[in-house]
Amino acid sequence: MQTIEKRFEAEIEVKKSRFIAIAVPVSRLEEVKENVHVVWEEHPGATHVVHAAVVGKAGTMYSSSDDREPKNTAGRPALEVLKGSGLTNIAVFIVRYFGGTLLGTGGLVKAYSDATKEVLGKVERIELVTPVHFLLVFPYTHFTPIKRVLEKYGVKIEDEKMEDVVTFTCTLDERRFGEFEKEVMDIGQGKTRIEKL
């Protein structure tokens, strides 16, 4: 699965109605509501703020809202586009400024789908990285070689306690964890402990 790291925007116009699609990274469905409020604050004159979101490692958690558009004409079509994109941990908000012409149900479905496709065409995709959080405990005498391995694998140290025994709280990309663990355990010669959190 892929995701995005930052916000992207795109706009289309359909019969004088403006549709501004905003894609943002989210890691939990709860963040969607918070972002809806932010978008409304940015566009207080908007007629609707519709959303669709896909979250989770396998992209299996969803959220969508028609925001007072006729049922299944806005959030659902946007969600279907999003589900077919191969992206996860993403929310798309579509801001509509009504242009005076009713689009009908088919027109709304097409407009919200097209706005979603437009913004997804602009996003920069990155591979979704699942972090492993772990505790690394080792004797201070092994500090230099273990520090080298930490740097080699790009391990992020979030907390450290340095005494006779060094304790690091770390994060590392799940895909690199196995190799990293083997190297550290080889250096530690039975005196190093790795504990997943």
Protein backbone atom coordinates (compact mmCIF):
# COMPACT_ATOMS: atom_id res chain seq x y z
CA MET A 1 0.00 0.00 0.00
CA GLN A 2 1.00 3.60 -0.52
CA THR A 3 0.16 6.82 1.28
CA ILE A 4 0.92 10.54 1.19
CA GLU A 5 3.03 12.71 3.49
CA LYS A 6 1.52 16.14 2.94
CA ARG A 7 -1.56 18.00 1.78
CA PHE A 8 -2.50 18.37 -1.90
CA GLU A 9 -5.26 20.39 -3.56
CA ALA A 10 -7.02 20.42 -6.93
CA GLU A 11 -10.06 22.20 -8.29
CA ILE A 12 -12.62 21.53 -11.00
CA GLU A 13 -15.65 23.52 -12.14
CA VAL A 14 -18.92 21.93 -13.23
CA LYS A 15 -21.75 24.22 -14.42
CA LYS A 16 -20.37 27.12 -12.38
CA SER A 17 -20.12 25.02 -9.17
CA ARG A 18 -16.57 24.90 -7.81
CA PHE A 19 -15.30 21.61 -6.39
CA ILE A 20 -12.06 21.96 -4.42
CA ALA A 21 -10.58 18.57 -3.50
CA ILE A 22 -8.10 18.46 -0.63
CA ALA A 23 -6.12 15.29 0.14
CA VAL A 24 -4.49 15.01 3.57
CA PRO A 25 -2.61 12.23 5.37
CA VAL A 26 -4.44 10.70 8.36
CA SER A 27 -3.50 7.73 10.51
CA ARG A 28 -6.82 7.22 12.34
CA LEU A 29 -10.46 7.72 11.34
CA GLU A 30 -10.89 10.05 14.35
CA GLU A 31 -8.62 12.57 12.59
CA VAL A 32 -11.15 12.92 9.77
CA LYS A 33 -13.66 14.85 11.92
CA GLU A 34 -10.93 17.20 13.14
CA ASN A 35 -9.92 17.87 9.53
CA VAL A 36 -13.55 18.51 8.48
CA HIS A 37 -13.63 21.38 11.02
CA VAL A 38 -10.34 22.76 9.65
CA VAL A 39 -11.64 22.69 6.08
CA TRP A 40 -14.89 24.43 7.11
CA GLU A 41 -12.82 27.14 8.83
CA GLU A 42 -10.82 27.62 5.61
CA HIS A 43 -14.01 27.74 3.47
CA PRO A 44 -16.76 29.31 5.63
CA GLY A 45 -18.79 30.27 2.53
CA ALA A 46 -18.86 26.74 1.09
CA THR A 47 -22.17 24.97 0.45
CA HIS A 48 -20.86 21.48 1.34
CA VAL A 49 -17.71 19.78 2.67
CA VAL A 50 -17.94 16.14 1.62
CA HIS A 51 -15.31 13.61 2.70
CA ALA A 52 -14.00 10.13 2.01
CA ALA A 53 -11.19 8.38 3.91
CA VAL A 54 -9.29 5.10 3.77
CA VAL A 55 -7.17 4.09 6.77
CA GLY A 56 -5.23 1.10 8.03
CA LYS A 57 -2.23 -0.98 7.01
CA ALA A 58 -4.32 -2.88 4.46
CA GLY A 59 -6.64 0.06 3.69
CA THR A 60 -9.70 -1.68 5.14
CA MET A 61 -11.20 1.06 7.35
CA TYR A 62 -13.42 3.63 5.66
CA SER A 63 -15.35 6.79 6.32
CA SER A 64 -17.46 8.97 4.04
CA SER A 65 -20.09 11.69 4.27
CA ASP A 66 -22.43 13.29 1.73
CA ASP A 67 -22.75 16.41 3.92
CA ARG A 68 -26.39 17.11 2.98
CA GLU A 69 -25.99 16.26 -0.71
CA PRO A 70 -28.52 13.60 -1.84
CA LYS A 71 -27.70 10.18 -0.37
CA ASN A 72 -24.78 8.34 -2.03
CA THR A 73 -24.10 11.09 -4.58
CA ALA A 74 -20.98 12.60 -2.99
CA GLY A 75 -19.06 10.79 -0.23
CA ARG A 76 -19.69 7.29 -1.58
CA PRO A 77 -18.47 8.00 -5.16
CA ALA A 78 -15.39 9.77 -3.74
CA LEU A 79 -14.75 6.78 -1.46
CA GLU A 80 -15.01 4.32 -4.38
CA VAL A 81 -12.35 6.31 -6.28
CA LEU A 82 -10.17 6.39 -3.17
CA LYS A 83 -10.57 2.63 -2.52
CA GLY A 84 -9.44 1.90 -6.08
CA SER A 85 -6.36 4.12 -5.81
CA GLY A 86 -4.09 1.80 -3.80
CA LEU A 87 -3.69 4.54 -1.18
CA THR A 88 -4.33 4.29 2.55
CA ASN A 89 -4.09 6.63 5.54
CA ILE A 90 -5.60 9.37 3.39
CA ALA A 91 -8.68 11.56 3.57
CA VAL A 92 -10.09 13.59 0.70
CA PHE A 93 -12.33 16.56 1.46
CA ILE A 94 -14.33 18.04 -1.41
CA VAL A 95 -15.48 21.60 -0.84
CA ARG A 96 -18.40 22.65 -3.05
CA TYR A 97 -19.38 26.20 -3.81
CA PHE A 98 -22.82 25.98 -5.46
CA GLY A 99 -22.93 27.75 -8.83
CA GLY A 100 -26.70 28.06 -9.20
CA THR A 101 -27.36 25.06 -11.48
CA LEU A 102 -28.60 21.76 -10.05
CA LEU A 103 -26.48 18.86 -11.32
CA GLY A 104 -28.90 15.98 -10.62
CA THR A 105 -27.80 12.74 -8.99
CA GLY A 106 -25.74 11.51 -11.95
CA GLY A 107 -24.06 14.89 -12.31
CA LEU A 108 -23.18 14.99 -8.60
CA VAL A 109 -21.71 11.46 -8.66
CA LYS A 110 -19.56 12.41 -11.66
CA ALA A 111 -18.48 15.77 -10.19
CA TYR A 112 -17.41 14.33 -6.82
CA SER A 113 -15.69 11.36 -8.50
CA ASP A 114 -13.87 13.66 -10.93
CA ALA A 115 -12.77 16.05 -8.17
CA THR A 116 -11.33 13.10 -6.22
CA LYS A 117 -9.54 11.76 -9.33
CA GLU A 118 -8.17 15.25 -10.00
CA VAL A 119 -6.51 15.57 -6.58
CA LEU A 120 -5.27 11.94 -6.61
CA GLY A 121 -3.59 12.73 -9.91
CA LYS A 122 -1.53 15.39 -8.13
CA VAL A 123 -0.49 13.57 -4.95
CA GLU A 124 3.05 12.32 -4.39
CA ARG A 125 2.82 8.69 -3.37
CA ILE A 126 5.18 7.07 -0.90
CA GLU A 127 5.33 3.49 0.33
CA LEU A 128 3.46 2.97 3.59
CA VAL A 129 6.01 2.16 6.26
CA THR A 130 4.92 0.22 9.31
CA PRO A 131 7.14 1.17 12.23
CA VAL A 132 8.28 -1.30 14.87
CA HIS A 133 8.65 0.18 18.36
CA PHE A 134 11.10 -1.65 20.57
CA LEU A 135 13.32 -1.50 23.61
CA LEU A 136 17.04 -2.16 23.07
CA VAL A 137 19.04 -3.01 26.19
CA PHE A 138 22.79 -3.69 26.05
CA PRO A 139 25.97 -3.29 28.15
CA TYR A 140 27.76 0.07 27.79
CA THR A 141 30.85 -1.78 26.59
CA HIS A 142 29.01 -2.52 23.31
CA PHE A 143 27.94 1.12 22.81
CA THR A 144 30.21 2.02 19.84
CA PRO A 145 29.52 -1.01 17.57
CA ILE A 146 25.77 -0.96 18.37
CA LYS A 147 25.60 2.80 17.72
CA ARG A 148 27.13 2.14 14.27
CA VAL A 149 24.42 -0.46 13.49
CA LEU A 150 21.70 1.95 14.70
CA GLU A 151 23.00 4.59 12.28
CA LYS A 152 23.37 2.08 9.42
CA TYR A 153 19.70 1.08 9.64
CA GLY A 154 18.37 4.59 10.33
CA VAL A 155 16.93 3.62 13.71
CA LYS A 156 15.13 6.50 15.41
CA ILE A 157 16.00 6.73 19.12
CA GLU A 158 13.07 8.21 21.04
CA ASP A 159 14.35 7.80 24.58
CA GLU A 160 17.66 6.77 26.12
CA LYS A 161 19.05 5.88 29.54
CA MET A 162 22.83 5.65 29.75
CA GLU A 163 24.29 3.80 32.73
CA ASP A 164 26.32 0.56 32.95
CA VAL A 165 23.47 -0.84 30.90
CA VAL A 166 22.18 1.28 28.02
CA THR A 167 18.41 1.32 27.36
CA PHE A 168 17.09 2.83 24.14
CA THR A 169 13.45 3.13 23.11
CA CYS A 170 13.55 2.93 19.30
CA THR A 171 11.51 2.90 16.10
CA LEU A 172 12.48 1.22 12.83
CA ASP A 173 10.80 0.35 9.53
CA GLU A 174 9.31 -3.14 9.90
CA ARG A 175 10.98 -4.29 6.64
CA ARG A 176 14.47 -3.65 8.03
CA PHE A 177 13.88 -4.96 11.55
CA GLY A 178 14.91 -8.61 10.98
CA GLU A 179 18.35 -7.79 9.57
CA PHE A 180 18.92 -5.11 12.21
CA GLU A 181 17.99 -7.49 15.03
CA LYS A 182 20.39 -10.17 13.77
CA GLU A 183 23.33 -7.75 13.55
CA VAL A 184 22.72 -6.30 17.02
CA MET A 185 22.32 -9.74 18.60
CA ASP A 186 25.60 -10.90 16.97
CA ILE A 187 27.42 -7.92 18.54
CA GLY A 188 25.74 -8.44 21.90
CA GLN A 189 26.84 -12.09 22.26
CA GLY A 190 23.87 -12.96 24.46
CA LYS A 191 24.10 -9.78 26.56
CA THR A 192 21.75 -7.71 24.37
CA ARG A 193 17.96 -7.76 24.67
CA ILE A 194 15.39 -6.52 22.15
CA GLU A 195 11.79 -6.28 23.29
CA LYS A 196 8.99 -5.19 20.93
CA LEU A 197 6.64 -2.66 22.52
